Protein backbone atom coordinates (compact mmCIF):
# COMPACT_ATOMS: atom_id res chain seq x y z
CA MET A 1 17.37 -34.27 -13.87
CA SER A 2 16.78 -30.67 -12.77
CA ALA A 3 13.82 -29.86 -10.56
CA ALA A 4 10.71 -28.37 -12.10
CA PRO A 5 10.38 -24.61 -11.58
CA ALA A 6 8.28 -23.62 -8.60
CA SER A 7 4.71 -22.59 -9.24
CA PRO A 8 3.72 -19.07 -8.16
CA SER A 9 2.08 -20.40 -5.01
CA GLU A 10 5.25 -22.33 -4.07
CA ARG A 11 7.74 -19.49 -4.53
CA PRO A 12 8.92 -17.78 -1.35
CA HIS A 13 7.36 -14.39 -0.69
CA VAL A 14 10.31 -12.11 -0.03
CA PRO A 15 9.67 -9.04 2.15
CA VAL A 16 10.89 -5.96 0.31
CA LEU A 17 13.61 -3.74 1.86
CA LEU A 18 13.60 -5.79 5.08
CA ARG A 19 17.37 -5.54 5.58
CA PRO A 20 17.60 -1.72 5.30
CA LEU A 21 14.44 -1.41 7.40
CA LEU A 22 15.93 -3.47 10.24
CA GLU A 23 19.18 -1.51 10.00
CA ALA A 24 17.32 1.82 10.20
CA VAL A 25 15.31 0.86 13.31
CA ALA A 26 18.05 -1.09 15.14
CA PRO A 27 18.18 -2.14 17.88
CA VAL A 28 14.77 -3.81 17.55
CA ALA A 29 13.04 -4.32 20.91
CA GLY A 30 9.69 -4.09 22.64
CA VAL A 31 6.24 -4.36 21.05
CA TRP A 32 5.81 -3.72 17.33
CA LEU A 33 2.76 -3.66 15.09
CA ASP A 34 2.91 -4.89 11.50
CA GLY A 35 -0.11 -3.16 9.98
CA THR A 36 0.07 -5.00 6.64
CA PHE A 37 0.87 -8.55 7.75
CA GLY A 38 0.54 -10.31 4.37
CA ALA A 39 2.91 -13.29 4.22
CA GLY A 40 4.39 -12.29 7.58
CA GLY A 41 7.87 -11.44 6.30
CA TYR A 42 8.26 -8.22 8.26
CA ALA A 43 6.72 -9.69 11.42
CA ARG A 44 9.12 -12.64 11.33
CA GLY A 45 12.05 -10.36 10.59
CA LEU A 46 11.21 -8.13 13.56
CA LEU A 47 10.75 -11.10 15.91
CA GLU A 48 14.04 -12.64 14.85
CA ALA A 49 15.78 -9.26 15.22
CA GLY A 50 14.74 -8.96 18.86
CA ALA A 51 11.15 -7.68 19.13
CA ALA A 52 9.48 -8.98 22.28
CA LYS A 53 6.13 -9.14 20.49
CA VAL A 54 4.60 -8.31 17.11
CA ILE A 55 0.91 -7.58 16.52
CA GLY A 56 0.17 -8.62 12.94
CA VAL A 57 -2.80 -6.81 11.38
CA ASP A 58 -4.38 -7.50 8.00
CA ARG A 59 -7.79 -6.90 6.45
CA ASP A 60 -7.51 -10.12 4.41
CA PRO A 61 -8.52 -13.10 6.60
CA SER A 62 -6.90 -15.61 4.26
CA VAL A 63 -3.38 -14.52 5.25
CA PHE A 64 -3.90 -15.85 8.77
CA GLU A 65 -4.87 -19.27 7.43
CA MET A 66 -1.59 -19.39 5.52
CA ALA A 67 0.35 -18.26 8.62
CA LYS A 68 -0.88 -21.21 10.71
CA ALA A 69 1.98 -23.36 9.43
CA TRP A 70 4.57 -21.23 11.24
CA ALA A 71 2.86 -18.70 13.54
CA GLY A 72 2.76 -21.14 16.46
CA ASP A 73 6.58 -21.24 16.52
CA TYR A 74 6.53 -17.78 18.13
CA GLY A 75 3.93 -18.55 20.79
CA ASP A 76 2.40 -15.48 22.40
CA ARG A 77 5.10 -13.25 20.89
CA LEU A 78 2.94 -13.06 17.75
CA GLU A 79 -0.65 -11.83 17.95
CA LEU A 80 -2.77 -11.83 14.77
CA VAL A 81 -5.63 -9.37 14.31
CA GLU A 82 -8.06 -9.08 11.40
CA GLY A 83 -8.52 -5.36 10.86
CA ARG A 84 -7.47 -2.26 8.94
CA PHE A 85 -4.30 -0.32 9.58
CA SER A 86 -6.40 2.85 9.60
CA LYS A 87 -7.54 1.64 13.03
CA LEU A 88 -4.21 0.32 14.23
CA ASP A 89 -4.29 2.45 17.39
CA GLU A 90 -7.25 0.32 18.48
CA TYR A 91 -5.04 -2.80 18.38
CA GLY A 92 -2.06 -1.41 20.27
CA GLN A 93 -0.91 1.62 22.27
CA ASN A 94 2.48 2.89 23.49
CA LEU A 95 4.08 0.83 20.74
CA ASP A 96 7.83 0.66 20.22
CA GLY A 97 7.43 0.47 16.48
CA ILE A 98 5.06 0.21 13.52
CA VAL A 99 5.77 -1.02 10.00
CA LEU A 100 3.52 -0.66 6.94
CA ASP A 101 4.17 -2.28 3.55
CA LEU A 102 1.73 -0.63 1.15
CA GLY A 103 2.31 -2.94 -1.79
CA VAL A 104 -0.18 -5.59 -2.85
CA SER A 105 0.95 -8.91 -1.39
CA SER A 106 2.61 -11.17 -3.93
CA MET A 107 0.38 -13.91 -2.49
CA GLN A 108 -2.67 -11.94 -3.61
CA LEU A 109 -1.18 -11.34 -7.06
CA ASP A 110 -0.42 -15.05 -7.41
CA GLN A 111 -3.99 -16.08 -6.62
CA ALA A 112 -5.96 -15.73 -9.84
CA GLU A 113 -9.26 -15.97 -7.97
CA ARG A 114 -8.50 -12.71 -6.14
CA GLY A 115 -8.57 -10.75 -9.40
CA PHE A 116 -5.63 -8.43 -8.68
CA SER A 117 -3.42 -9.40 -11.60
CA PHE A 118 -3.83 -8.84 -15.33
CA MET A 119 -1.34 -11.67 -15.87
CA ARG A 120 -3.74 -14.42 -14.74
CA ASP A 121 -7.36 -14.93 -15.69
CA GLY A 122 -9.78 -14.76 -12.81
CA PRO A 123 -12.89 -12.97 -11.56
CA LEU A 124 -12.58 -9.19 -11.52
CA ASP A 125 -12.58 -8.82 -7.74
CA MET A 126 -9.60 -6.97 -6.14
CA ARG A 127 -11.18 -6.74 -2.67
CA MET A 128 -8.57 -7.13 0.05
CA SER A 129 -11.19 -7.83 2.71
CA ARG A 130 -13.47 -9.84 0.39
CA SER A 131 -16.40 -7.63 1.32
CA GLY A 132 -18.07 -4.60 -0.25
CA PRO A 133 -18.21 -3.59 -3.94
CA SER A 134 -15.77 -5.40 -6.23
CA ALA A 135 -13.76 -4.22 -9.21
CA ALA A 136 -16.42 -5.73 -11.47
CA ASP A 137 -19.05 -3.58 -9.77
CA ILE A 138 -17.09 -0.41 -10.52
CA VAL A 139 -16.20 -1.40 -14.08
CA ASN A 140 -19.76 -2.38 -14.97
CA GLU A 141 -21.75 0.22 -13.04
CA ALA A 142 -19.77 3.49 -12.87
CA ASP A 143 -20.67 6.16 -15.41
CA GLU A 144 -18.07 7.20 -17.97
CA LYS A 145 -16.94 10.35 -16.13
CA THR A 146 -16.53 8.60 -12.79
CA LEU A 147 -14.58 5.78 -14.39
CA ALA A 148 -12.31 8.20 -16.25
CA ASP A 149 -11.73 10.19 -13.05
CA ILE A 150 -10.74 7.02 -11.17
CA LEU A 151 -8.24 6.05 -13.87
CA PHE A 152 -6.78 9.56 -14.11
CA HIS A 153 -6.58 10.55 -10.44
CA TYR A 154 -5.76 7.17 -8.90
CA GLY A 155 -3.70 5.63 -11.71
CA GLU A 156 -2.28 8.75 -13.40
CA GLU A 157 -3.53 7.25 -16.68
CA ARG A 158 -3.39 9.93 -19.39
CA ALA A 159 -5.63 7.93 -21.71
CA SER A 160 -8.31 7.67 -19.02
CA ARG A 161 -11.18 9.10 -21.10
CA ARG A 162 -10.45 6.86 -24.08
CA ILE A 163 -10.23 3.77 -21.86
CA ALA A 164 -13.42 4.66 -19.96
CA ARG A 165 -15.31 5.24 -23.21
CA THR A 166 -14.16 1.87 -24.58
CA ILE A 167 -15.07 0.07 -21.34
CA LEU A 168 -18.61 1.40 -21.55
CA ALA A 169 -18.90 0.30 -25.18
CA GLU A 170 -17.62 -3.19 -24.37
CA ARG A 171 -19.76 -3.70 -21.27
CA ALA A 172 -22.82 -2.83 -23.34
CA LYS A 173 -22.10 -6.00 -25.32
CA ALA A 174 -21.55 -8.17 -22.24
CA PRO A 175 -20.59 -7.54 -18.60
CA ILE A 176 -16.83 -7.33 -17.99
CA GLU A 177 -16.28 -10.02 -15.36
CA THR A 178 -12.70 -11.30 -15.74
CA THR A 179 -9.25 -9.80 -15.39
CA LEU A 180 -8.01 -10.85 -18.81
CA ARG A 181 -11.01 -9.35 -20.58
CA LEU A 182 -10.48 -6.00 -18.89
CA ALA A 183 -6.74 -6.17 -19.60
CA SER A 184 -7.44 -6.93 -23.26
CA ILE A 185 -9.86 -3.99 -23.54
CA VAL A 186 -7.32 -1.58 -22.07
CA GLU A 187 -4.49 -3.01 -24.15
CA GLY A 188 -6.54 -2.39 -27.30
CA CYS A 189 -6.82 1.32 -26.40
CA LEU A 190 -3.10 1.98 -26.03
CA PRO A 191 0.08 1.64 -28.07
CA ARG A 192 1.93 -1.64 -27.81
CA ALA A 193 4.35 -1.61 -24.87
CA LYS A 194 8.03 -1.36 -25.80
CA PRO A 195 10.57 -3.79 -24.30
CA GLY A 196 11.12 -2.94 -20.65
CA GLN A 197 7.89 -0.96 -20.33
CA SER A 198 5.09 -2.02 -17.99
CA HIS A 199 1.96 -3.72 -19.29
CA PRO A 200 -0.52 -1.21 -20.78
CA ALA A 201 -3.16 -2.21 -18.20
CA THR A 202 -0.91 -1.57 -15.18
CA ARG A 203 -2.24 1.91 -14.37
CA THR A 204 -5.86 0.92 -14.93
CA PHE A 205 -5.62 -2.06 -12.60
CA GLN A 206 -3.82 0.03 -9.99
CA ALA A 207 -6.48 2.74 -10.13
CA ILE A 208 -9.42 0.36 -9.84
CA ARG A 209 -7.78 -1.55 -6.98
CA ILE A 210 -7.21 1.70 -5.10
CA ALA A 211 -10.83 2.72 -5.61
CA VAL A 212 -12.17 -0.68 -4.51
CA ASN A 213 -10.15 -0.66 -1.28
CA GLU A 214 -10.24 3.10 -0.59
CA GLU A 215 -6.48 2.91 -0.25
CA TYR A 216 -5.62 6.61 -0.07
CA GLU A 217 -8.16 7.31 2.66
CA GLU A 218 -6.89 4.22 4.48
CA LEU A 219 -3.32 5.46 4.18
CA ALA A 220 -4.03 8.94 5.53
CA ALA A 221 -6.02 7.51 8.42
CA GLY A 222 -3.27 4.94 9.06
CA LEU A 223 -0.59 7.63 9.28
CA GLU A 224 -2.67 9.51 11.84
CA ALA A 225 -3.38 6.30 13.79
CA ALA A 226 0.35 5.47 13.88
CA GLU A 227 1.07 8.87 15.38
CA ARG A 228 -1.48 8.16 18.12
CA ALA A 229 -0.25 4.62 18.80
CA LEU A 230 3.53 5.14 19.02
CA LYS A 231 5.18 6.00 22.30
CA PRO A 232 7.90 8.70 22.46
CA GLY A 233 10.92 7.24 20.72
CA GLY A 234 8.80 4.72 18.83
CA GLN A 235 9.90 3.96 15.27
CA PHE A 236 7.67 4.25 12.20
CA ALA A 237 8.69 2.55 8.94
CA VAL A 238 6.67 2.71 5.71
CA VAL A 239 7.42 0.95 2.40
CA THR A 240 5.66 2.33 -0.69
CA PHE A 241 5.52 1.09 -4.27
CA HIS A 242 4.29 3.99 -6.38
CA SER A 243 4.78 7.73 -6.55
CA ILE A 244 1.41 8.85 -5.16
CA GLU A 245 1.73 6.71 -2.02
CA ASP A 246 5.29 7.86 -1.48
CA ARG A 247 4.26 11.50 -1.92
CA ILE A 248 1.57 11.15 0.75
CA VAL A 249 3.96 9.48 3.22
CA LYS A 250 6.76 11.95 2.47
CA ARG A 251 4.54 14.99 2.97
CA PHE A 252 3.04 13.59 6.16
CA LEU A 253 6.46 13.02 7.70
CA GLN A 254 7.74 16.41 6.52
CA LEU A 255 4.74 18.20 8.01
CA ARG A 256 4.95 16.30 11.27
CA SER A 257 8.71 16.87 11.59
CA GLY A 258 8.50 20.62 10.97
CA LYS A 259 10.01 20.40 7.50
CA GLY A 260 6.89 21.04 5.46
CA GLY A 261 7.82 24.51 4.23
CA GLN A 262 6.49 27.91 5.17
CA GLY A 263 3.68 28.15 2.60
CA SER A 264 2.95 31.31 0.64
CA ARG A 265 4.94 34.44 1.56
CA HIS A 266 1.69 36.41 1.14
CA ALA A 267 -0.15 34.36 3.76
CA PRO A 268 -0.16 35.27 7.45
CA VAL A 269 2.60 33.62 9.49
CA ALA A 270 1.14 30.46 10.98
CA GLU A 271 1.90 29.27 14.47
CA PRO A 272 4.47 26.45 14.08
CA GLU A 273 3.15 23.02 14.96
CA PRO A 274 5.04 20.87 17.47
CA LYS A 275 7.41 18.33 15.95
CA ARG A 276 5.70 14.98 16.29
CA PHE A 277 8.35 12.99 14.39
CA GLU A 278 12.06 13.17 13.74
CA LEU A 279 13.21 11.89 10.35
CA VAL A 280 15.49 8.87 10.57
CA THR A 281 15.89 8.57 6.78
CA ARG A 282 16.31 12.01 5.24
CA ARG A 283 15.59 10.57 1.81
CA ALA A 284 13.70 7.51 0.67
CA VAL A 285 15.77 4.31 0.73
CA GLY A 286 15.53 2.08 -2.32
CA PRO A 287 16.77 -1.46 -3.06
CA ASP A 288 20.41 -2.15 -3.77
CA ASP A 289 21.68 -4.34 -6.61
CA GLU A 290 21.84 -7.41 -4.39
CA GLU A 291 18.17 -7.13 -3.43
CA LEU A 292 17.10 -6.49 -7.03
CA GLN A 293 18.79 -9.69 -8.12
CA ILE A 294 16.96 -11.67 -5.46
CA ASN A 295 13.64 -9.82 -5.66
CA PRO A 296 12.86 -7.83 -8.85
CA ARG A 297 9.53 -6.81 -7.23
CA ALA A 298 11.54 -4.39 -5.08
CA ARG A 299 12.43 -2.17 -8.05
CA SER A 300 9.89 0.56 -7.32
CA ALA A 301 9.94 0.23 -3.52
CA LYS A 302 10.88 3.13 -1.24
CA LEU A 303 11.41 3.05 2.52
CA ARG A 304 10.92 6.01 4.87
CA VAL A 305 11.56 5.85 8.62
CA ALA A 306 10.81 8.37 11.37
CA ARG A 307 10.93 8.42 15.18
CA ARG A 308 8.06 9.65 17.35
CA THR A 309 8.65 12.57 19.70
CA ASP A 310 6.74 13.30 22.91
CA ALA A 311 4.55 15.99 21.28
CA PRO A 312 0.84 15.15 21.52
CA ALA A 313 -0.82 13.63 18.46
CA GLY A 314 -3.18 15.79 16.45
CA PRO A 315 -5.19 15.93 13.23
CA VAL A 316 -3.42 16.41 9.93
CA ASP A 317 -4.53 18.59 7.02
CA ARG A 318 -5.43 15.99 4.39
CA ALA A 319 -5.20 18.57 1.60
CA ALA A 320 -1.56 19.20 2.50
CA LEU A 321 -0.74 15.53 1.90
CA GLY A 322 -1.41 15.76 -1.83
CA MET A 323 -4.01 13.02 -1.73
CA PRO A 324 -5.76 12.50 -5.08
CA ARG A 325 -9.48 13.21 -4.80
CA LEU A 326 -12.19 12.49 -7.33
CA PRO A 327 -14.04 15.60 -8.53
CA GLU A 328 -17.46 16.19 -7.05
CA LYS A 329 -20.44 15.00 -9.04
CA GLY A 330 -21.44 17.66 -11.54
CA SER A 331 -18.04 19.41 -11.54
CA ARG A 332 -16.10 19.75 -14.72
């Protein structure tokens, strides 16, 4: 008799693009920081590839409970820190490498009680750190314009106004407190998805999750913190899962490697900034066919790698990164 299929919580959590990442940063040595520890796949991969030590950082305390089953195998080579990657330079300095995986952990998606997934019914939460305002707070308390702006700017949802208007009408009947109710409301606003298309609620859930966790501000601050924390020659690897994140990372690395363009020809010639990174991957690296067969979640993933120079760290122009920003209150 064949074995029963594994439940979501029993399936292995496969780190995305780990093989090309390790190839790009080889030889792996010294002290690394994994700023998005999650299930620990990158940290374990780095340790097994030759890192002397990995500092694993995550804002979700539950991931460290799950890591107890194997973390002790590495002794003091693995240090776990509850924190945000926007402050990663407070957890390590003169690092040989940093890796960030910006996707939502499959563990979090699999846990209905976390409220990240529209595929499982659970409380509308989405907080990575389990503190602060939840997704339910935003959905039930934001005014129509703010909600529409979140959906449009953070999720690139073209039907943002229609969805926001419907959410307000539905919450007037009863508070929207579960993932499946929100997904059903959004689904009712949009055309039925064709085969192969993503679920109609995908962009809405992405946008609200980003707003709850302030993900774009965290990302910009994390990029700056990585620049401060890496030693000359240190490697910086970032895996993204959607176009806005990848655009921010791409522009940051272009600007910091002196490849950000010259700006308007009508503007005064600006003093060139020192090159703080050298690009290791000239273009984003995606999954190959072998990885897609093993891990379909990798389909939208992109890897970018750069190497730190000895130029001093400095502030970055956030506007130049193309970060989405919500319009000011009262603006049209």
